[in-house]
C-alpha atoms as a PDB file:
ATOM      1  CA  GLN A   1      29.504   9.232  -5.059  1.00  0.00           C
ATOM      2  CA  VAL A   2      27.197   7.545  -3.014  1.00  0.00           C
ATOM      3  CA  GLN A   3      26.042   3.616  -3.980  1.00  0.00           C
ATOM      4  CA  LEU A   4      23.590   1.309  -1.763  1.00  0.00           C
ATOM      5  CA  VAL A   5      24.120  -2.141  -4.081  1.00  0.00           C
ATOM      6  CA  GLU A   6      21.535  -4.812  -3.555  1.00  0.00           C
ATOM      7  CA  SER A   7      21.791  -8.346  -4.045  1.00  0.00           C
ATOM      8  CA  GLY A   8      20.415 -11.679  -3.262  1.00  0.00           C
ATOM      9  CA  GLY A   9      16.966 -11.547  -4.835  1.00  0.00           C
ATOM     10  CA  GLY A  10      15.881 -14.646  -7.123  1.00  0.00           C
ATOM     11  CA  LEU A  11      12.853 -17.222  -7.464  1.00  0.00           C
ATOM     12  CA  VAL A  12      12.118 -19.495  -4.936  1.00  0.00           C
ATOM     13  CA  GLN A  13       8.969 -21.312  -3.967  1.00  0.00           C
ATOM     14  CA  PRO A  14       6.745 -20.644  -0.984  1.00  0.00           C
ATOM     15  CA  GLY A  15       8.410 -21.629   2.351  1.00  0.00           C
ATOM     16  CA  GLY A  16      11.662 -21.249   0.418  1.00  0.00           C
ATOM     17  CA  SER A  17      14.113 -18.501   2.048  1.00  0.00           C
ATOM     18  CA  LEU A  18      16.358 -15.767   1.057  1.00  0.00           C
ATOM     19  CA  ARG A  19      19.378 -13.709   2.172  1.00  0.00           C
ATOM     20  CA  LEU A  20      19.552 -10.209   0.676  1.00  0.00           C
ATOM     21  CA  SER A  21      22.117  -7.945   1.297  1.00  0.00           C
ATOM     22  CA  CYS A  22      22.879  -4.027   0.319  1.00  0.00           C
ATOM     23  CA  ALA A  23      26.574  -2.930   0.580  1.00  0.00           C
ATOM     24  CA  ALA A  24      26.929   0.323   1.019  1.00  0.00           C
ATOM     25  CA  ASP A  25      29.973   3.296  -0.232  1.00  0.00           C
ATOM     26  CA  GLY A  26      30.388   6.417  -0.066  1.00  0.00           C
ATOM     27  CA  ILE A  27      28.824   6.995   3.493  1.00  0.00           C
ATOM     28  CA  ARG A  28      30.433   6.889   6.537  1.00  0.00           C
ATOM     29  CA  PHE A  29      27.507   3.764   7.181  1.00  0.00           C
ATOM     30  CA  SER A  30      27.244   3.557  10.914  1.00  0.00           C
ATOM     31  CA  THR A  31      25.901   6.694  11.804  1.00  0.00           C
ATOM     32  CA  TYR A  32      22.324   5.705   9.485  1.00  0.00           C
ATOM     33  CA  HIS A  33      19.465   4.107   9.374  1.00  0.00           C
ATOM     34  CA  MET A  34      19.133   1.014   7.444  1.00  0.00           C
ATOM     35  CA  GLY A  35      15.744  -0.296   5.533  1.00  0.00           C
ATOM     36  CA  TRP A  36      13.944  -2.443   3.434  1.00  0.00           C
ATOM     37  CA  TYR A  37      11.399  -1.280   2.084  1.00  0.00           C
ATOM     38  CA  ARG A  38       9.280  -3.344  -1.518  1.00  0.00           C
ATOM     39  CA  GLN A  39       7.152  -2.700  -3.902  1.00  0.00           C
ATOM     40  CA  ALA A  40       4.716  -4.911  -5.590  1.00  0.00           C
ATOM     41  CA  PRO A  41       2.954  -4.525  -9.177  1.00  0.00           C
ATOM     42  CA  GLY A  42       0.608  -1.594  -9.079  1.00  0.00           C
ATOM     43  CA  SER A  43       0.762  -1.456  -5.015  1.00  0.00           C
ATOM     44  CA  GLN A  44       2.739   1.247  -3.025  1.00  0.00           C
ATOM     45  CA  ARG A  45       6.804   1.503  -1.924  1.00  0.00           C
ATOM     46  CA  GLU A  46       5.949  -0.058   1.663  1.00  0.00           C
ATOM     47  CA  LEU A  47       8.338  -0.441   4.686  1.00  0.00           C
ATOM     48  CA  VAL A  48       9.527  -3.958   5.463  1.00  0.00           C
ATOM     49  CA  ALA A  49      12.081  -3.955   8.282  1.00  0.00           C
ATOM     50  CA  VAL A  50      14.356  -0.770   9.864  1.00  0.00           C
ATOM     51  CA  ILE A  51      17.748  -1.289  11.621  1.00  0.00           C
ATOM     52  CA  SER A  52      18.519   1.824  13.838  1.00  0.00           C
ATOM     53  CA  THR A  53      22.336   3.287  14.265  1.00  0.00           C
ATOM     54  CA  GLY A  54      22.174   1.145  17.622  1.00  0.00           C
ATOM     55  CA  SER A  55      20.731  -1.781  16.159  1.00  0.00           C
ATOM     56  CA  SER A  56      17.155  -1.182  17.637  1.00  0.00           C
ATOM     57  CA  THR A  57      14.606  -2.712  15.062  1.00  0.00           C
ATOM     58  CA  ASN A  58      11.746  -2.387  13.890  1.00  0.00           C
ATOM     59  CA  TYR A  59       9.496  -4.943  11.388  1.00  0.00           C
ATOM     60  CA  ALA A  60       6.081  -4.859   9.245  1.00  0.00           C
ATOM     61  CA  ASN A  61       3.237  -6.765  10.955  1.00  0.00           C
ATOM     62  CA  SER A  62       3.352  -8.619   7.428  1.00  0.00           C
ATOM     63  CA  VAL A  63       6.422  -9.957   7.905  1.00  0.00           C
ATOM     64  CA  LYS A  64       6.705 -10.033  11.758  1.00  0.00           C
ATOM     65  CA  GLY A  65       8.797 -13.706  12.769  1.00  0.00           C
ATOM     66  CA  ARG A  66       9.696 -14.669   9.463  1.00  0.00           C
ATOM     67  CA  PHE A  67      12.004 -11.971   8.492  1.00  0.00           C
ATOM     68  CA  THR A  68      15.129 -10.595  10.214  1.00  0.00           C
ATOM     69  CA  ILE A  69      17.044  -7.468   9.598  1.00  0.00           C
ATOM     70  CA  SER A  70      20.722  -7.139  10.774  1.00  0.00           C
ATOM     71  CA  ARG A  71      23.609  -5.147  10.016  1.00  0.00           C
ATOM     72  CA  ASP A  72      27.456  -5.174   9.827  1.00  0.00           C
ATOM     73  CA  ASN A  73      29.182  -1.686  10.071  1.00  0.00           C
ATOM     74  CA  ALA A  74      32.428  -3.421   9.680  1.00  0.00           C
ATOM     75  CA  GLU A  75      31.275  -4.403   6.192  1.00  0.00           C
ATOM     76  CA  SER A  76      29.079  -1.292   5.418  1.00  0.00           C
ATOM     77  CA  THR A  77      26.280  -3.784   4.995  1.00  0.00           C
ATOM     78  CA  VAL A  78      22.795  -4.455   5.520  1.00  0.00           C
ATOM     79  CA  TYR A  79      21.037  -7.630   5.669  1.00  0.00           C
ATOM     80  CA  LEU A  80      17.728  -8.915   5.290  1.00  0.00           C
ATOM     81  CA  GLN A  81      17.045 -12.439   6.235  1.00  0.00           C
ATOM     82  CA  MET A  82      13.485 -13.632   4.661  1.00  0.00           C
ATOM     83  CA  ASN A  83      12.445 -17.720   5.615  1.00  0.00           C
ATOM     84  CA  ASN A  84       9.212 -19.000   5.513  1.00  0.00           C
ATOM     85  CA  LEU A  85       8.306 -16.991   2.384  1.00  0.00           C
ATOM     86  CA  ARG A  86       4.806 -16.378   0.649  1.00  0.00           C
ATOM     87  CA  PRO A  87       3.557 -15.423  -2.753  1.00  0.00           C
ATOM     88  CA  GLU A  88       2.492 -12.642  -1.641  1.00  0.00           C
ATOM     89  CA  ASP A  89       6.050 -11.328  -0.377  1.00  0.00           C
ATOM     90  CA  THR A  90       6.921 -11.221  -4.209  1.00  0.00           C
ATOM     91  CA  ALA A  91       8.185  -7.372  -5.059  1.00  0.00           C
ATOM     92  CA  VAL A  92      11.214  -5.538  -5.707  1.00  0.00           C
ATOM     93  CA  TYR A  93      13.151  -4.853  -2.338  1.00  0.00           C
ATOM     94  CA  TYR A  94      14.329  -1.602  -2.287  1.00  0.00           C
ATOM     95  CA  CYS A  95      17.624  -0.415   0.063  1.00  0.00           C
ATOM     96  CA  ASN A  96      17.677   2.748   2.049  1.00  0.00           C
ATOM     97  CA  ALA A  97      19.998   4.742   4.270  1.00  0.00           C
ATOM     98  CA  VAL A  98      18.558   8.359   6.038  1.00  0.00           C
ATOM     99  CA  ALA A  99      21.115  10.294   8.215  1.00  0.00           C
ATOM    100  CA  ARG A 100      20.723  10.074  11.926  1.00  0.00           C
ATOM    101  CA  SER A 101      19.100  13.791  10.925  1.00  0.00           C
ATOM    102  CA  GLY A 102      16.965  12.652   9.136  1.00  0.00           C
ATOM    103  CA  TYR A 103      18.425  13.693   5.935  1.00  0.00           C
ATOM    104  CA  PRO A 104      20.605  12.629   3.637  1.00  0.00           C
ATOM    105  CA  LYS A 105      18.406   9.845   2.328  1.00  0.00           C
ATOM    106  CA  TYR A 106      19.435   7.328  -0.156  1.00  0.00           C
ATOM    107  CA  TRP A 107      18.235   4.786  -2.092  1.00  0.00           C
ATOM    108  CA  GLY A 108      19.846   1.166  -3.748  1.00  0.00           C
ATOM    109  CA  GLN A 109      18.472   0.369  -7.360  1.00  0.00           C
ATOM    110  CA  GLY A 110      16.308  -2.952  -6.116  1.00  0.00           C
ATOM    111  CA  THR A 111      16.618  -6.450  -6.431  1.00  0.00           C
ATOM    112  CA  GLN A 112      13.049  -8.777  -7.239  1.00  0.00           C
ATOM    113  CA  VAL A 113      11.980 -10.946  -5.318  1.00  0.00           C
ATOM    114  CA  THR A 114       9.522 -13.926  -7.134  1.00  0.00           C
ATOM    115  CA  VAL A 115       8.068 -16.253  -4.665  1.00  0.00           C
ATOM    116  CA  SER A 116       5.848 -19.188  -6.628  1.00  0.00           C
ATOM    117  CA  SER A 117       5.409 -22.856  -7.083  1.00  0.00           C
END
């Protein structure tokens, strides 16, 4: 059974930082592209950042220069370091794993990030 378990969310003031983690179990982690997505209330789920099996990265324009995605294949974990957080970053953040072939895909259960003073 595949599990993606996110952690690290919470309440933070504008300008603050959080580090999200996503621990994967049940997949050969190094062969999966990993990503972070988010969904705010009333909005569609959107891509935040992705990291390939070769550690190439891509970011949404709204988070470039503030967020950093990384992976630790030995620990089967992907991270999202979020700095200079803004109220508009408030959302549920989801971890995603996609095999190199494009299938299968897996999702975590999500972790809430709230940026508010």
